[in-house]
Amino acid sequence: MDNTAQIIPYQGSWPLEFSKIGVILRHGLGSLALRIDHIGSTSVPGLAAKDVIDIQVTVTRLDEAVQRAMTRLGYVRAADVTCDHHPPLVNGEDVEWEKWYFRPPAGQRPTHVHMRVYGRHNQRYPLLFRDYLRAHPATAEAYAELKRRLAQNLPNREVYTDVKDPAVDLVYLAAEEWAAAIHWVPGVSDA
């Protein structure tokens, strides 16, 4: 099996594919999901990406009710994924980076579902990152080029991610300055 990251040009079908999955999640989670958002590179128009839809489900807490609802939908929790990468100079407890990660049900297109708690650093980070790249197409294109080169030159997805995370932090730090300057707040949920 090929374990290298494959970066492809932006696909206009990605928003619709997210919407279909978002409706299923919304129906299955109901009020447990405070927000369901399309995040990651596939959520940024024009941005090259891996052909994987990243979804963030925001909840009030990571608990058995959420676990049961996701299991009923056919999702499988990856018990070994319990937190996000912690960017430098971002204050806060380790709990600010806690998450649950779910693999999709059989037959669903490649999807990463990240379950995060409302108001924590890691819940805000992907929304800000996405909105910053949407508002700054030149930065998005530079980020796409970085991803293409990493995918071409690194031996596997784990190494790709380990190298990409600090580069994402560079964009995130610029995004924080932008957010402060424009008084950014996350818009409405995508699903």
N, C-alpha and C. Protein backbone atom coordinates (compact mmCIF):
# COMPACT_ATOMS: atom_id res chain seq x y z
N MET A 1 0.84 -1.19 0.00
CA MET A 1 0.00 0.00 0.00
C MET A 1 0.89 1.25 0.00
N ASP A 2 0.54 2.20 -0.83
CA ASP A 2 1.28 3.46 -0.92
C ASP A 2 0.93 4.33 0.28
N ASN A 3 1.92 4.71 1.05
CA ASN A 3 1.68 5.50 2.26
C ASN A 3 2.09 6.96 2.07
N THR A 4 2.37 7.37 0.84
CA THR A 4 2.75 8.76 0.60
C THR A 4 1.50 9.63 0.51
N ALA A 5 1.64 10.88 0.87
CA ALA A 5 0.54 11.84 0.74
C ALA A 5 0.40 12.21 -0.73
N GLN A 6 -0.83 12.20 -1.23
CA GLN A 6 -1.10 12.55 -2.62
C GLN A 6 -1.87 13.87 -2.63
N ILE A 7 -1.26 14.91 -3.16
CA ILE A 7 -1.90 16.23 -3.24
C ILE A 7 -2.47 16.38 -4.65
N ILE A 8 -3.75 16.72 -4.72
CA ILE A 8 -4.40 16.89 -6.03
C ILE A 8 -4.94 18.32 -6.14
N PRO A 9 -5.22 18.77 -7.36
CA PRO A 9 -5.81 20.11 -7.52
C PRO A 9 -7.17 20.19 -6.82
N TYR A 10 -7.56 21.40 -6.47
CA TYR A 10 -8.86 21.64 -5.83
C TYR A 10 -9.97 21.01 -6.67
N GLN A 11 -10.91 20.37 -5.99
CA GLN A 11 -12.06 19.76 -6.64
C GLN A 11 -13.33 20.53 -6.25
N GLY A 12 -14.04 21.01 -7.24
CA GLY A 12 -15.27 21.76 -6.97
C GLY A 12 -16.34 20.94 -6.29
N SER A 13 -16.19 19.62 -6.27
CA SER A 13 -17.17 18.74 -5.63
C SER A 13 -17.00 18.65 -4.12
N TRP A 14 -15.86 19.10 -3.60
CA TRP A 14 -15.61 18.93 -2.16
C TRP A 14 -16.65 19.60 -1.26
N PRO A 15 -17.09 20.83 -1.52
CA PRO A 15 -18.11 21.42 -0.63
C PRO A 15 -19.41 20.61 -0.60
N LEU A 16 -19.85 20.12 -1.75
CA LEU A 16 -21.07 19.32 -1.78
C LEU A 16 -20.89 17.99 -1.06
N GLU A 17 -19.72 17.37 -1.24
CA GLU A 17 -19.44 16.12 -0.53
C GLU A 17 -19.46 16.36 0.98
N PHE A 18 -18.87 17.48 1.42
CA PHE A 18 -18.94 17.81 2.85
C PHE A 18 -20.40 17.97 3.28
N SER A 19 -21.18 18.72 2.50
CA SER A 19 -22.57 19.00 2.87
C SER A 19 -23.37 17.72 3.07
N LYS A 20 -23.18 16.75 2.20
CA LYS A 20 -23.90 15.48 2.33
C LYS A 20 -23.54 14.77 3.62
N ILE A 21 -22.25 14.74 3.92
CA ILE A 21 -21.81 14.09 5.16
C ILE A 21 -22.26 14.90 6.37
N GLY A 22 -22.19 16.23 6.26
CA GLY A 22 -22.63 17.10 7.34
C GLY A 22 -24.09 16.90 7.71
N VAL A 23 -24.93 16.68 6.72
CA VAL A 23 -26.36 16.43 6.99
C VAL A 23 -26.53 15.14 7.78
N ILE A 24 -25.78 14.12 7.40
CA ILE A 24 -25.86 12.83 8.12
C ILE A 24 -25.40 13.01 9.56
N LEU A 25 -24.28 13.72 9.74
CA LEU A 25 -23.79 13.96 11.10
C LEU A 25 -24.78 14.79 11.91
N ARG A 26 -25.33 15.83 11.30
CA ARG A 26 -26.30 16.68 12.00
C ARG A 26 -27.50 15.86 12.45
N HIS A 27 -28.00 15.03 11.56
CA HIS A 27 -29.17 14.20 11.89
C HIS A 27 -28.84 13.21 13.01
N GLY A 28 -27.66 12.58 12.92
CA GLY A 28 -27.29 11.57 13.90
C GLY A 28 -26.86 12.12 15.25
N LEU A 29 -26.30 13.32 15.26
CA LEU A 29 -25.81 13.91 16.52
C LEU A 29 -26.82 14.85 17.16
N GLY A 30 -27.69 15.44 16.36
CA GLY A 30 -28.68 16.37 16.90
C GLY A 30 -28.04 17.46 17.72
N SER A 31 -28.59 17.71 18.88
CA SER A 31 -28.11 18.81 19.73
C SER A 31 -26.76 18.54 20.37
N LEU A 32 -26.23 17.32 20.26
CA LEU A 32 -24.89 17.05 20.77
C LEU A 32 -23.84 17.87 20.01
N ALA A 33 -24.12 18.14 18.74
CA ALA A 33 -23.19 18.90 17.90
C ALA A 33 -23.59 20.37 17.93
N LEU A 34 -22.74 21.20 18.53
CA LEU A 34 -22.99 22.63 18.55
C LEU A 34 -22.71 23.24 17.18
N ARG A 35 -21.69 22.71 16.51
CA ARG A 35 -21.30 23.14 15.16
C ARG A 35 -20.78 21.93 14.41
N ILE A 36 -20.95 21.97 13.10
CA ILE A 36 -20.32 20.99 12.21
C ILE A 36 -19.74 21.81 11.07
N ASP A 37 -18.42 21.81 10.95
CA ASP A 37 -17.74 22.68 10.00
C ASP A 37 -16.83 21.91 9.06
N HIS A 38 -16.80 22.39 7.82
CA HIS A 38 -15.85 21.90 6.82
C HIS A 38 -14.55 22.65 7.09
N ILE A 39 -13.50 21.92 7.41
CA ILE A 39 -12.21 22.52 7.73
C ILE A 39 -11.14 21.92 6.82
N GLY A 40 -9.91 22.33 7.03
CA GLY A 40 -8.80 21.78 6.28
C GLY A 40 -8.75 22.32 4.86
N SER A 41 -7.81 21.81 4.10
CA SER A 41 -7.54 22.34 2.77
C SER A 41 -8.71 22.20 1.81
N THR A 42 -9.50 21.13 1.94
CA THR A 42 -10.62 20.96 1.01
C THR A 42 -11.71 22.00 1.23
N SER A 43 -11.63 22.74 2.33
CA SER A 43 -12.63 23.79 2.62
C SER A 43 -12.24 25.15 2.06
N VAL A 44 -11.07 25.24 1.43
CA VAL A 44 -10.57 26.52 0.91
C VAL A 44 -10.64 26.48 -0.61
N PRO A 45 -11.54 27.25 -1.23
CA PRO A 45 -11.66 27.23 -2.69
C PRO A 45 -10.31 27.47 -3.37
N GLY A 46 -10.01 26.60 -4.34
CA GLY A 46 -8.79 26.73 -5.13
C GLY A 46 -7.56 26.08 -4.54
N LEU A 47 -7.63 25.60 -3.30
CA LEU A 47 -6.45 25.06 -2.63
C LEU A 47 -6.26 23.57 -2.95
N ALA A 48 -5.08 23.22 -3.43
CA ALA A 48 -4.75 21.81 -3.64
C ALA A 48 -4.72 21.09 -2.29
N ALA A 49 -5.08 19.81 -2.31
CA ALA A 49 -5.21 19.09 -1.04
C ALA A 49 -5.15 17.58 -1.26
N LYS A 50 -5.01 16.86 -0.14
CA LYS A 50 -5.28 15.43 -0.18
C LYS A 50 -6.79 15.30 -0.38
N ASP A 51 -7.22 14.24 -1.05
CA ASP A 51 -8.64 14.05 -1.33
C ASP A 51 -9.35 13.44 -0.12
N VAL A 52 -9.30 14.18 0.97
CA VAL A 52 -9.91 13.76 2.23
C VAL A 52 -10.67 14.96 2.79
N ILE A 53 -11.96 14.77 3.08
CA ILE A 53 -12.76 15.84 3.64
C ILE A 53 -12.53 15.88 5.15
N ASP A 54 -12.03 17.01 5.65
CA ASP A 54 -11.86 17.20 7.09
C ASP A 54 -13.09 17.90 7.63
N ILE A 55 -13.61 17.36 8.72
CA ILE A 55 -14.81 17.89 9.36
C ILE A 55 -14.51 18.09 10.84
N GLN A 56 -14.92 19.23 11.36
CA GLN A 56 -14.84 19.46 12.80
C GLN A 56 -16.25 19.47 13.36
N VAL A 57 -16.47 18.60 14.35
CA VAL A 57 -17.72 18.60 15.10
C VAL A 57 -17.40 19.20 16.46
N THR A 58 -18.10 20.28 16.79
CA THR A 58 -17.89 20.95 18.07
C THR A 58 -18.97 20.49 19.05
N VAL A 59 -18.52 20.07 20.22
CA VAL A 59 -19.42 19.57 21.26
C VAL A 59 -19.13 20.29 22.58
N THR A 60 -20.02 20.12 23.55
CA THR A 60 -19.77 20.72 24.86
C THR A 60 -18.80 19.88 25.69
N ARG A 61 -18.79 18.57 25.42
CA ARG A 61 -17.85 17.68 26.11
C ARG A 61 -17.69 16.39 25.32
N LEU A 62 -16.56 15.77 25.49
CA LEU A 62 -16.29 14.47 24.89
C LEU A 62 -16.77 13.42 25.89
N ASP A 63 -17.90 12.81 25.59
CA ASP A 63 -18.49 11.88 26.56
C ASP A 63 -19.15 10.69 25.87
N GLU A 64 -19.70 9.81 26.67
CA GLU A 64 -20.31 8.58 26.15
C GLU A 64 -21.46 8.84 25.20
N ALA A 65 -22.24 9.89 25.42
CA ALA A 65 -23.36 10.19 24.52
C ALA A 65 -22.85 10.47 23.11
N VAL A 66 -21.78 11.23 23.02
CA VAL A 66 -21.17 11.53 21.72
C VAL A 66 -20.62 10.25 21.10
N GLN A 67 -19.91 9.47 21.89
CA GLN A 67 -19.34 8.20 21.41
C GLN A 67 -20.44 7.30 20.86
N ARG A 68 -21.54 7.13 21.60
CA ARG A 68 -22.64 6.27 21.16
C ARG A 68 -23.26 6.77 19.86
N ALA A 69 -23.48 8.08 19.77
CA ALA A 69 -24.08 8.65 18.56
C ALA A 69 -23.20 8.41 17.34
N MET A 70 -21.90 8.61 17.48
CA MET A 70 -20.99 8.39 16.36
C MET A 70 -20.93 6.91 15.98
N THR A 71 -20.94 6.03 16.96
CA THR A 71 -20.92 4.59 16.70
C THR A 71 -22.18 4.17 15.95
N ARG A 72 -23.34 4.71 16.35
CA ARG A 72 -24.59 4.41 15.64
C ARG A 72 -24.51 4.83 14.17
N LEU A 73 -23.76 5.89 13.88
CA LEU A 73 -23.60 6.35 12.50
C LEU A 73 -22.56 5.54 11.73
N GLY A 74 -21.88 4.63 12.42
CA GLY A 74 -20.89 3.78 11.76
C GLY A 74 -19.46 4.28 11.85
N TYR A 75 -19.25 5.37 12.56
CA TYR A 75 -17.90 5.91 12.72
C TYR A 75 -17.14 5.11 13.77
N VAL A 76 -15.83 5.03 13.59
CA VAL A 76 -14.97 4.30 14.52
C VAL A 76 -13.97 5.28 15.11
N ARG A 77 -13.97 5.35 16.43
CA ARG A 77 -13.04 6.26 17.10
C ARG A 77 -11.64 5.65 17.11
N ALA A 78 -10.67 6.47 16.75
CA ALA A 78 -9.26 6.06 16.82
C ALA A 78 -8.75 6.39 18.21
N ALA A 79 -8.67 5.39 19.05
CA ALA A 79 -8.31 5.61 20.45
C ALA A 79 -6.91 6.16 20.63
N ASP A 80 -6.04 5.98 19.62
CA ASP A 80 -4.67 6.45 19.74
C ASP A 80 -4.52 7.93 19.37
N VAL A 81 -5.57 8.55 18.87
CA VAL A 81 -5.52 9.98 18.52
C VAL A 81 -6.32 10.73 19.59
N THR A 82 -5.61 11.39 20.48
CA THR A 82 -6.27 12.03 21.63
C THR A 82 -6.03 13.53 21.74
N CYS A 83 -5.14 14.06 20.89
CA CYS A 83 -4.87 15.49 20.98
C CYS A 83 -4.31 16.00 19.66
N ASP A 84 -4.32 17.31 19.53
CA ASP A 84 -3.76 17.99 18.37
C ASP A 84 -2.35 18.46 18.67
N HIS A 85 -1.65 18.76 17.60
CA HIS A 85 -0.34 19.42 17.68
C HIS A 85 -0.51 20.74 18.43
N HIS A 86 0.38 21.03 19.34
CA HIS A 86 0.33 22.25 20.16
C HIS A 86 1.30 23.27 19.58
N PRO A 87 0.79 24.37 18.99
CA PRO A 87 1.70 25.36 18.41
C PRO A 87 2.51 26.08 19.48
N PRO A 88 3.69 26.57 19.12
CA PRO A 88 4.53 27.27 20.11
C PRO A 88 3.90 28.58 20.56
N LEU A 89 4.20 28.94 21.78
CA LEU A 89 3.79 30.21 22.37
C LEU A 89 2.29 30.40 22.52
N VAL A 90 1.52 29.32 22.41
CA VAL A 90 0.08 29.40 22.68
C VAL A 90 -0.11 28.87 24.09
N ASN A 91 -0.54 29.74 24.98
CA ASN A 91 -0.68 29.38 26.38
C ASN A 91 -1.90 28.50 26.59
N GLY A 92 -1.92 27.81 27.70
CA GLY A 92 -3.07 26.99 28.04
C GLY A 92 -2.67 25.59 28.44
N GLU A 93 -3.59 24.93 29.10
CA GLU A 93 -3.38 23.57 29.56
C GLU A 93 -3.42 22.59 28.38
N ASP A 94 -2.89 21.39 28.61
CA ASP A 94 -2.91 20.36 27.58
C ASP A 94 -4.34 20.02 27.15
N VAL A 95 -5.30 20.15 28.07
CA VAL A 95 -6.69 19.85 27.75
C VAL A 95 -7.21 20.73 26.60
N GLU A 96 -6.58 21.89 26.40
CA GLU A 96 -6.96 22.79 25.30
C GLU A 96 -6.73 22.14 23.94
N TRP A 97 -5.96 21.07 23.88
CA TRP A 97 -5.61 20.41 22.61
C TRP A 97 -6.18 19.00 22.52
N GLU A 98 -7.00 18.61 23.50
CA GLU A 98 -7.63 17.30 23.50
C GLU A 98 -8.69 17.20 22.39
N LYS A 99 -8.77 16.03 21.76
CA LYS A 99 -9.80 15.79 20.76
C LYS A 99 -10.07 14.30 20.64
N TRP A 100 -11.17 13.98 19.98
CA TRP A 100 -11.43 12.63 19.52
C TRP A 100 -11.40 12.67 18.01
N TYR A 101 -10.92 11.59 17.42
CA TYR A 101 -10.83 11.48 15.97
C TYR A 101 -11.59 10.23 15.54
N PHE A 102 -12.42 10.38 14.50
CA PHE A 102 -13.23 9.26 14.02
C PHE A 102 -12.93 8.95 12.56
N ARG A 103 -12.82 7.64 12.28
CA ARG A 103 -12.69 7.16 10.91
C ARG A 103 -14.10 6.96 10.35
N PRO A 104 -14.26 7.12 9.03
CA PRO A 104 -15.60 7.07 8.45
C PRO A 104 -16.17 5.65 8.39
N PRO A 105 -17.50 5.57 8.26
CA PRO A 105 -18.13 4.26 8.08
C PRO A 105 -17.71 3.63 6.75
N ALA A 106 -17.83 2.32 6.66
CA ALA A 106 -17.52 1.62 5.42
C ALA A 106 -18.35 2.20 4.28
N GLY A 107 -17.70 2.42 3.15
CA GLY A 107 -18.39 2.94 1.98
C GLY A 107 -18.44 4.44 1.87
N GLN A 108 -18.08 5.16 2.93
CA GLN A 108 -18.08 6.63 2.86
C GLN A 108 -16.74 7.08 2.28
N ARG A 109 -16.76 8.16 1.52
CA ARG A 109 -15.53 8.71 0.94
C ARG A 109 -14.53 9.00 2.06
N PRO A 110 -13.25 9.09 1.75
CA PRO A 110 -12.26 9.39 2.78
C PRO A 110 -12.60 10.68 3.54
N THR A 111 -12.68 10.54 4.83
CA THR A 111 -13.11 11.63 5.70
C THR A 111 -12.34 11.54 7.02
N HIS A 112 -11.97 12.70 7.55
CA HIS A 112 -11.42 12.77 8.91
C HIS A 112 -12.41 13.60 9.72
N VAL A 113 -12.96 13.01 10.78
CA VAL A 113 -13.87 13.75 11.65
C VAL A 113 -13.14 14.01 12.96
N HIS A 114 -12.94 15.30 13.23
CA HIS A 114 -12.26 15.76 14.44
C HIS A 114 -13.34 16.28 15.39
N MET A 115 -13.42 15.70 16.58
CA MET A 115 -14.40 16.11 17.57
C MET A 115 -13.66 16.93 18.62
N ARG A 116 -14.06 18.21 18.77
CA ARG A 116 -13.39 19.11 19.70
C ARG A 116 -14.41 19.84 20.56
N VAL A 117 -13.96 20.29 21.71
CA VAL A 117 -14.83 20.95 22.69
C VAL A 117 -14.89 22.45 22.42
N TYR A 118 -16.10 22.97 22.46
CA TYR A 118 -16.36 24.39 22.20
C TYR A 118 -15.49 25.29 23.11
N GLY A 119 -14.88 26.29 22.50
CA GLY A 119 -14.13 27.30 23.23
C GLY A 119 -12.68 26.97 23.50
N ARG A 120 -12.26 25.77 23.19
CA ARG A 120 -10.86 25.42 23.41
C ARG A 120 -10.01 25.92 22.24
N HIS A 121 -8.70 26.06 22.49
CA HIS A 121 -7.78 26.54 21.45
C HIS A 121 -7.89 25.72 20.17
N ASN A 122 -7.93 24.40 20.32
CA ASN A 122 -7.91 23.56 19.12
C ASN A 122 -9.24 23.59 18.36
N GLN A 123 -10.30 24.04 18.99
CA GLN A 123 -11.59 24.19 18.28
C GLN A 123 -11.56 25.45 17.42
N ARG A 124 -10.92 26.49 17.90
CA ARG A 124 -10.83 27.76 17.19
C ARG A 124 -9.81 27.71 16.05
N TYR A 125 -8.68 27.04 16.29
CA TYR A 125 -7.56 27.01 15.37
C TYR A 125 -7.96 26.66 13.93
N PRO A 126 -8.64 25.53 13.66
CA PRO A 126 -8.93 25.19 12.26
C PRO A 126 -9.91 26.14 11.59
N LEU A 127 -10.80 26.75 12.36
CA LEU A 127 -11.74 27.71 11.78
C LEU A 127 -11.02 28.99 11.37
N LEU A 128 -10.13 29.46 12.23
CA LEU A 128 -9.33 30.65 11.91
C LEU A 128 -8.40 30.36 10.73
N PHE A 129 -7.73 29.22 10.75
CA PHE A 129 -6.82 28.84 9.68
C PHE A 129 -7.56 28.83 8.34
N ARG A 130 -8.71 28.19 8.31
CA ARG A 130 -9.52 28.12 7.09
C ARG A 130 -9.92 29.51 6.60
N ASP A 131 -10.45 30.33 7.50
CA ASP A 131 -10.93 31.66 7.10
C ASP A 131 -9.79 32.56 6.65
N TYR A 132 -8.64 32.41 7.28
CA TYR A 132 -7.47 33.21 6.87
C TYR A 132 -7.05 32.83 5.45
N LEU A 133 -6.97 31.54 5.16
CA LEU A 133 -6.58 31.11 3.82
C LEU A 133 -7.62 31.52 2.78
N ARG A 134 -8.89 31.48 3.15
CA ARG A 134 -9.93 31.94 2.21
C ARG A 134 -9.77 33.41 1.89
N ALA A 135 -9.34 34.20 2.86
CA ALA A 135 -9.19 35.65 2.67
C ALA A 135 -7.84 36.03 2.07
N HIS A 136 -6.90 35.11 2.02
CA HIS A 136 -5.54 35.38 1.54
C HIS A 136 -5.13 34.33 0.51
N PRO A 137 -5.62 34.46 -0.72
CA PRO A 137 -5.33 33.44 -1.74
C PRO A 137 -3.84 33.24 -2.04
N ALA A 138 -3.03 34.28 -1.95
CA ALA A 138 -1.59 34.11 -2.21
C ALA A 138 -0.96 33.22 -1.14
N THR A 139 -1.37 33.40 0.11
CA THR A 139 -0.87 32.53 1.18
C THR A 139 -1.36 31.11 0.97
N ALA A 140 -2.61 30.96 0.56
CA ALA A 140 -3.15 29.63 0.28
C ALA A 140 -2.35 28.94 -0.82
N GLU A 141 -1.99 29.67 -1.87
CA GLU A 141 -1.22 29.06 -2.95
C GLU A 141 0.19 28.69 -2.49
N ALA A 142 0.81 29.53 -1.66
CA ALA A 142 2.13 29.20 -1.13
C ALA A 142 2.05 27.95 -0.24
N TYR A 143 0.99 27.83 0.53
CA TYR A 143 0.77 26.66 1.37
C TYR A 143 0.57 25.42 0.50
N ALA A 144 -0.18 25.56 -0.59
CA ALA A 144 -0.39 24.44 -1.51
C ALA A 144 0.94 23.97 -2.10
N GLU A 145 1.78 24.91 -2.47
CA GLU A 145 3.09 24.55 -3.04
C GLU A 145 3.95 23.82 -2.00
N LEU A 146 3.90 24.28 -0.77
CA LEU A 146 4.63 23.58 0.30
C LEU A 146 4.13 22.14 0.41
N LYS A 147 2.82 21.96 0.42
CA LYS A 147 2.26 20.61 0.55
C LYS A 147 2.66 19.72 -0.64
N ARG A 148 2.63 20.29 -1.84
CA ARG A 148 3.04 19.50 -3.02
C ARG A 148 4.49 19.05 -2.89
N ARG A 149 5.35 19.96 -2.49
CA ARG A 149 6.77 19.61 -2.37
C ARG A 149 7.02 18.61 -1.24
N LEU A 150 6.33 18.78 -0.13
CA LEU A 150 6.47 17.81 0.96
C LEU A 150 6.02 16.43 0.50
N ALA A 151 4.89 16.37 -0.19
CA ALA A 151 4.36 15.08 -0.65
C ALA A 151 5.32 14.42 -1.64
N GLN A 152 5.98 15.21 -2.47
CA GLN A 152 6.92 14.66 -3.46
C GLN A 152 8.21 14.17 -2.82
N ASN A 153 8.59 14.76 -1.69
CA ASN A 153 9.92 14.51 -1.14
C ASN A 153 9.98 13.76 0.18
N LEU A 154 8.84 13.50 0.78
CA LEU A 154 8.86 12.80 2.07
C LEU A 154 8.31 11.39 1.90
N PRO A 155 8.88 10.45 2.63
CA PRO A 155 8.59 9.05 2.39
C PRO A 155 7.20 8.55 2.79
N ASN A 156 6.59 9.17 3.78
CA ASN A 156 5.26 8.67 4.18
C ASN A 156 4.43 9.76 4.84
N ARG A 157 3.15 9.45 5.05
CA ARG A 157 2.20 10.44 5.56
C ARG A 157 2.55 10.94 6.96
N GLU A 158 3.09 10.06 7.78
CA GLU A 158 3.43 10.48 9.15
C GLU A 158 4.53 11.54 9.13
N VAL A 159 5.55 11.32 8.31
CA VAL A 159 6.64 12.29 8.20
C VAL A 159 6.11 13.57 7.56
N TYR A 160 5.28 13.43 6.55
CA TYR A 160 4.64 14.58 5.89
C TYR A 160 3.95 15.47 6.94
N THR A 161 3.15 14.84 7.80
CA THR A 161 2.42 15.59 8.83
C THR A 161 3.36 16.21 9.85
N ASP A 162 4.37 15.47 10.26
CA ASP A 162 5.33 16.01 11.23
C ASP A 162 6.03 17.26 10.72
N VAL A 163 6.32 17.31 9.44
CA VAL A 163 6.98 18.48 8.86
C VAL A 163 5.98 19.59 8.57
N LYS A 164 4.77 19.20 8.15
CA LYS A 164 3.76 20.19 7.78
C LYS A 164 3.25 20.98 9.00
N ASP A 165 3.11 20.34 10.16
CA ASP A 165 2.53 21.01 11.33
C ASP A 165 3.22 22.33 11.69
N PRO A 166 4.56 22.39 11.77
CA PRO A 166 5.20 23.68 12.07
C PRO A 166 4.97 24.72 10.98
N ALA A 167 4.85 24.29 9.72
CA ALA A 167 4.55 25.24 8.64
C ALA A 167 3.14 25.80 8.80
N VAL A 168 2.22 24.94 9.20
CA VAL A 168 0.85 25.40 9.46
C VAL A 168 0.86 26.43 10.59
N ASP A 169 1.70 26.21 11.59
CA ASP A 169 1.81 27.17 12.70
C ASP A 169 2.24 28.55 12.20
N LEU A 170 3.12 28.61 11.21
CA LEU A 170 3.54 29.90 10.66
C LEU A 170 2.35 30.66 10.09
N VAL A 171 1.49 29.94 9.37
CA VAL A 171 0.29 30.56 8.81
C VAL A 171 -0.65 30.95 9.96
N TYR A 172 -0.80 30.06 10.92
CA TYR A 172 -1.69 30.32 12.06
C TYR A 172 -1.27 31.57 12.83
N LEU A 173 0.02 31.74 13.05
CA LEU A 173 0.48 32.93 13.79
C LEU A 173 0.15 34.21 13.02
N ALA A 174 0.29 34.19 11.71
CA ALA A 174 -0.12 35.35 10.89
C ALA A 174 -1.64 35.51 10.95
N ALA A 175 -2.36 34.40 10.96
CA ALA A 175 -3.82 34.45 11.04
C ALA A 175 -4.28 35.07 12.35
N GLU A 176 -3.56 34.80 13.44
CA GLU A 176 -3.93 35.40 14.74
C GLU A 176 -3.80 36.93 14.68
N GLU A 177 -2.74 37.42 14.05
CA GLU A 177 -2.59 38.87 13.91
C GLU A 177 -3.72 39.45 13.07
N TRP A 178 -4.06 38.77 11.98
CA TRP A 178 -5.16 39.18 11.12
C TRP A 178 -6.48 39.19 11.90
N ALA A 179 -6.72 38.13 12.68
CA ALA A 179 -7.95 38.02 13.46
C ALA A 179 -8.09 39.17 14.45
N ALA A 180 -6.98 39.52 15.10
CA ALA A 180 -7.02 40.63 16.05
C ALA A 180 -7.30 41.96 15.33
N ALA A 181 -6.71 42.13 14.15
CA ALA A 181 -6.87 43.39 13.42
C ALA A 181 -8.29 43.57 12.91
N ILE A 182 -8.96 42.49 12.52
CA ILE A 182 -10.31 42.63 11.96
C ILE A 182 -11.41 42.21 12.94
N HIS A 183 -11.01 41.83 14.16
CA HIS A 183 -11.96 41.36 15.17
C HIS A 183 -12.73 40.14 14.67
N TRP A 184 -11.98 39.17 14.13
CA TRP A 184 -12.56 37.95 13.56
C TRP A 184 -13.27 37.12 14.61
N VAL A 185 -14.41 36.60 14.23
CA VAL A 185 -15.10 35.57 15.00
C VAL A 185 -15.58 34.52 14.00
N PRO A 186 -15.67 33.26 14.42
CA PRO A 186 -16.15 32.24 13.49
C PRO A 186 -17.56 32.58 13.00
N GLY A 187 -17.80 32.35 11.74
CA GLY A 187 -19.14 32.54 11.18
C GLY A 187 -20.06 31.42 11.65
N VAL A 188 -21.19 31.31 10.99
CA VAL A 188 -22.14 30.26 11.34
C VAL A 188 -21.60 28.91 10.93
N SER A 189 -22.09 27.88 11.56
CA SER A 189 -21.70 26.51 11.27
C SER A 189 -22.04 26.16 9.82
N ASP A 190 -21.25 25.27 9.24
CA ASP A 190 -21.45 24.86 7.84
C ASP A 190 -22.58 23.86 7.67
N ALA A 191 -22.92 23.12 8.71
CA ALA A 191 -23.98 22.11 8.58
C ALA A 191 -24.86 22.11 9.81
